[in-house]
N, C-alpha and C. Protein backbone atom coordinates (compact mmCIF):
# COMPACT_ATOMS: atom_id res chain seq x y z
N MET A 1 83.28 -44.07 117.65
CA MET A 1 82.06 -43.94 116.63
C MET A 1 81.18 -44.74 117.19
N SER A 2 79.87 -44.47 117.07
CA SER A 2 78.79 -44.63 117.94
C SER A 2 78.18 -45.87 117.40
N THR A 3 77.42 -46.54 118.06
CA THR A 3 76.31 -48.02 117.53
C THR A 3 75.64 -47.75 115.98
N LEU A 4 75.23 -46.99 115.91
CA LEU A 4 74.58 -46.62 114.61
C LEU A 4 75.71 -46.65 113.11
N GLN A 5 76.71 -45.60 113.52
CA GLN A 5 78.06 -45.60 112.90
C GLN A 5 78.38 -47.30 112.48
N ARG A 6 78.62 -48.13 113.23
CA ARG A 6 79.43 -49.25 113.48
C ARG A 6 78.14 -50.64 112.27
N ILE A 7 77.05 -50.19 112.91
CA ILE A 7 76.06 -50.90 112.32
C ILE A 7 76.24 -50.43 110.58
N ALA A 8 76.15 -49.14 110.75
CA ALA A 8 76.13 -48.87 108.74
C ALA A 8 77.24 -49.50 108.83
N LEU A 9 78.21 -48.93 109.06
CA LEU A 9 79.69 -49.88 108.40
C LEU A 9 79.97 -51.15 108.18
N ILE A 10 78.86 -52.17 109.29
CA ILE A 10 78.67 -53.24 108.53
C ILE A 10 78.27 -53.58 107.51
N LEU A 11 76.69 -52.99 107.37
CA LEU A 11 75.98 -52.81 106.07
C LEU A 11 76.97 -52.40 105.05
N THR A 12 77.63 -51.43 105.11
CA THR A 12 78.54 -50.85 103.71
C THR A 12 79.18 -51.88 103.39
N ILE A 13 80.15 -52.69 104.72
CA ILE A 13 80.62 -53.89 103.82
C ILE A 13 80.06 -54.96 103.50
N ILE A 14 79.01 -55.30 103.52
CA ILE A 14 77.86 -56.21 103.47
C ILE A 14 77.51 -55.81 101.75
N GLY A 15 77.61 -54.37 101.23
CA GLY A 15 77.06 -54.01 100.27
C GLY A 15 78.47 -53.86 99.26
N ALA A 16 79.62 -54.19 99.90
CA ALA A 16 80.64 -53.97 98.69
C ALA A 16 81.15 -55.04 98.50
N ILE A 17 81.15 -56.33 99.84
CA ILE A 17 81.29 -57.35 99.31
C ILE A 17 79.88 -58.19 98.14
N ASN A 18 79.20 -57.56 98.53
CA ASN A 18 78.01 -58.05 97.34
C ASN A 18 78.53 -57.84 96.17
N TRP A 19 78.91 -56.49 95.94
CA TRP A 19 78.71 -55.50 94.74
C TRP A 19 80.27 -56.06 94.17
N GLY A 20 81.31 -56.51 95.06
CA GLY A 20 82.73 -57.35 94.26
C GLY A 20 81.95 -59.20 94.03
N LEU A 21 80.91 -59.43 94.73
CA LEU A 21 81.16 -60.99 94.32
C LEU A 21 80.45 -60.49 92.66
N ILE A 22 79.60 -59.22 92.61
CA ILE A 22 78.87 -59.05 91.20
C ILE A 22 79.51 -58.49 89.79
N GLY A 23 80.62 -57.96 90.26
CA GLY A 23 81.65 -58.12 89.49
C GLY A 23 82.46 -58.45 89.16
N PHE A 24 82.86 -59.64 89.88
CA PHE A 24 84.02 -60.68 89.83
C PHE A 24 83.35 -61.53 89.26
N PHE A 25 81.82 -62.35 90.00
CA PHE A 25 81.28 -63.60 89.54
C PHE A 25 79.93 -63.41 88.71
N GLN A 26 79.27 -62.31 88.83
CA GLN A 26 78.10 -62.45 88.30
C GLN A 26 77.00 -63.28 89.16
N PHE A 27 77.09 -63.05 90.67
CA PHE A 27 76.43 -63.83 91.49
C PHE A 27 76.17 -62.73 92.71
N ASP A 28 75.06 -62.35 92.58
CA ASP A 28 74.30 -61.17 93.42
C ASP A 28 74.01 -62.44 94.84
N LEU A 29 74.55 -62.05 95.92
CA LEU A 29 74.56 -62.78 97.45
C LEU A 29 73.40 -62.65 97.87
N VAL A 30 72.45 -61.33 97.84
CA VAL A 30 71.80 -60.51 98.50
C VAL A 30 70.63 -61.47 97.68
N ALA A 31 70.22 -61.60 96.78
CA ALA A 31 69.41 -62.12 95.59
C ALA A 31 68.96 -63.20 96.16
N SER A 32 70.58 -63.93 96.00
CA SER A 32 70.19 -65.50 95.81
C SER A 32 69.74 -66.04 97.52
N LEU A 33 70.17 -64.74 98.42
CA LEU A 33 69.82 -65.56 99.81
C LEU A 33 67.90 -65.25 100.06
N PHE A 34 67.58 -64.00 99.27
CA PHE A 34 66.41 -63.38 99.77
C PHE A 34 65.05 -63.36 98.90
N GLY A 35 65.49 -64.56 97.55
CA GLY A 35 64.17 -64.62 96.79
C GLY A 35 64.57 -63.59 95.55
N GLY A 36 65.89 -63.12 95.37
CA GLY A 36 66.10 -62.77 94.21
C GLY A 36 65.84 -61.17 94.10
N GLN A 37 66.21 -60.42 93.57
CA GLN A 37 66.51 -58.56 92.89
C GLN A 37 64.88 -57.91 94.00
N GLY A 38 64.06 -58.46 92.75
CA GLY A 38 62.65 -58.10 93.13
C GLY A 38 61.94 -58.06 94.39
N ALA A 39 62.12 -59.61 95.45
CA ALA A 39 61.96 -59.92 96.76
C ALA A 39 61.78 -58.74 97.75
N ALA A 40 60.82 -58.70 98.00
CA ALA A 40 60.82 -57.49 99.29
C ALA A 40 61.96 -57.18 100.11
N LEU A 41 62.09 -58.59 100.83
CA LEU A 41 63.48 -59.00 101.70
C LEU A 41 64.75 -58.65 100.96
N SER A 42 64.81 -58.62 100.00
CA SER A 42 66.19 -58.42 99.12
C SER A 42 65.71 -56.78 99.05
N ARG A 43 64.89 -56.05 98.51
CA ARG A 43 64.71 -54.51 98.40
C ARG A 43 65.36 -53.88 99.76
N ILE A 44 64.73 -54.46 100.64
CA ILE A 44 64.75 -53.83 102.10
C ILE A 44 66.48 -53.96 102.63
N VAL A 45 66.92 -55.17 102.17
CA VAL A 45 68.74 -55.28 102.52
C VAL A 45 69.44 -54.00 101.37
N TYR A 46 68.97 -54.14 99.96
CA TYR A 46 69.78 -52.90 99.59
C TYR A 46 69.23 -52.20 99.72
N GLY A 47 67.89 -51.58 100.00
CA GLY A 47 67.75 -50.10 101.39
C GLY A 47 68.73 -50.26 102.31
N LEU A 48 68.42 -50.81 102.71
CA LEU A 48 69.70 -50.49 104.85
C LEU A 48 71.03 -50.42 104.13
N VAL A 49 71.76 -50.88 102.79
CA VAL A 49 72.90 -50.70 102.25
C VAL A 49 73.00 -49.57 102.29
N GLY A 50 72.13 -48.88 101.23
CA GLY A 50 72.06 -47.33 100.79
C GLY A 50 71.91 -47.00 101.82
N LEU A 51 71.23 -46.57 102.74
CA LEU A 51 71.22 -45.70 103.74
C LEU A 51 72.38 -45.64 104.77
N ALA A 52 73.02 -47.20 104.56
CA ALA A 52 73.78 -47.10 105.72
C ALA A 52 74.92 -46.61 104.62
N GLY A 53 75.13 -46.50 103.56
CA GLY A 53 76.35 -45.62 102.84
C GLY A 53 76.13 -43.83 103.47
N LEU A 54 74.96 -43.92 102.91
CA LEU A 54 75.01 -42.19 103.39
C LEU A 54 75.10 -41.52 104.77
N ILE A 55 74.93 -42.72 105.93
CA ILE A 55 75.40 -42.47 106.96
C ILE A 55 76.88 -42.37 107.17
N ASN A 56 77.58 -43.31 106.51
CA ASN A 56 78.80 -43.48 106.26
C ASN A 56 79.50 -42.03 105.27
N LEU A 57 78.74 -41.37 104.90
CA LEU A 57 79.62 -40.31 104.22
C LEU A 57 79.65 -39.24 105.58
N GLY A 58 79.24 -39.47 106.75
CA GLY A 58 79.49 -38.38 107.99
C GLY A 58 81.02 -38.84 108.54
N LEU A 59 81.54 -40.31 108.45
CA LEU A 59 82.58 -40.75 108.76
C LEU A 59 83.64 -40.29 108.02
N LEU A 60 83.62 -39.83 106.16
CA LEU A 60 84.35 -39.58 105.20
C LEU A 60 84.75 -38.01 106.03
N PHE A 61 84.24 -37.23 106.69
CA PHE A 61 84.21 -35.80 106.78
C PHE A 61 84.50 -35.09 108.53
N ALA A 62 84.77 -36.31 109.14
CA ALA A 62 84.89 -36.49 110.62
C ALA A 62 86.09 -36.10 110.99
N PRO A 63 86.84 -35.45 111.52
CA PRO A 63 88.58 -35.34 112.19
C PRO A 63 88.59 -36.60 112.78
N SER A 64 89.84 -36.87 112.25
CA SER A 64 90.17 -37.93 112.76
C SER A 64 91.32 -37.87 114.17
N GLU A 65 91.14 -38.87 114.87
CA GLU A 65 91.78 -39.26 116.35
C GLU A 65 92.92 -38.06 116.17
N ALA A 66 93.81 -38.80 115.27
CA ALA A 66 95.09 -38.21 115.58
C ALA A 66 94.89 -36.72 115.19
N ALA A 67 94.27 -36.33 114.40
CA ALA A 67 94.39 -34.80 114.35
C ALA A 67 93.48 -33.89 115.90
N GLU A 68 92.43 -34.64 116.14
CA GLU A 68 92.04 -33.61 117.30
C GLU A 68 92.95 -34.02 118.43
N ARG A 69 93.39 -35.02 118.40
CA ARG A 69 95.12 -35.13 119.77
C ARG A 69 95.99 -34.07 119.57
N GLN A 70 96.46 -33.58 118.16
CA GLN A 70 97.13 -32.85 118.07
C GLN A 70 96.87 -31.41 117.50
N GLN A 71 95.45 -31.04 118.01
CA GLN A 71 94.88 -29.99 117.82
C GLN A 71 94.49 -29.41 119.32
N GLY A 72 94.88 -30.86 120.27
CA GLY A 72 94.76 -30.84 121.53
C GLY A 72 95.63 -30.02 121.88
N THR A 73 97.10 -30.46 122.41
CA THR A 73 98.45 -30.22 122.15
C THR A 73 98.92 -29.20 121.65
N GLU A 74 98.30 -28.80 120.72
CA GLU A 74 98.75 -27.30 120.12
C GLU A 74 98.46 -26.12 120.59
N PRO A 75 99.70 -24.96 121.04
CA PRO A 75 99.14 -24.05 121.53
C PRO A 75 98.53 -23.07 121.09
N ASN A 76 97.10 -22.44 121.45
CA ASN A 76 96.09 -21.31 121.15
C ASN A 76 96.95 -20.39 120.33
N ARG A 77 96.90 -19.99 119.29
CA ARG A 77 97.43 -18.75 118.74
C ARG A 77 96.24 -18.06 118.26
N SER A 78 94.89 -17.77 119.55
CA SER A 78 94.13 -16.77 118.91
C SER A 78 94.86 -15.40 119.38
């Protein structure tokens, strides 16, 4: 996993925690920390979380390490 993917994963987790707080407690942590939903810094954080989610779509379709190992040990059937 690249550094960019790790950063994206961290931002996605932050977004998931924020959505959980909104869903369970009607509390928007990002908005409360950065001056409301309309504040520039909050919008930047929301945007970065959204971009991180798009970057993490690549992880969804990446082959797992176990599958790669299995393919490497399986005889070539060409």
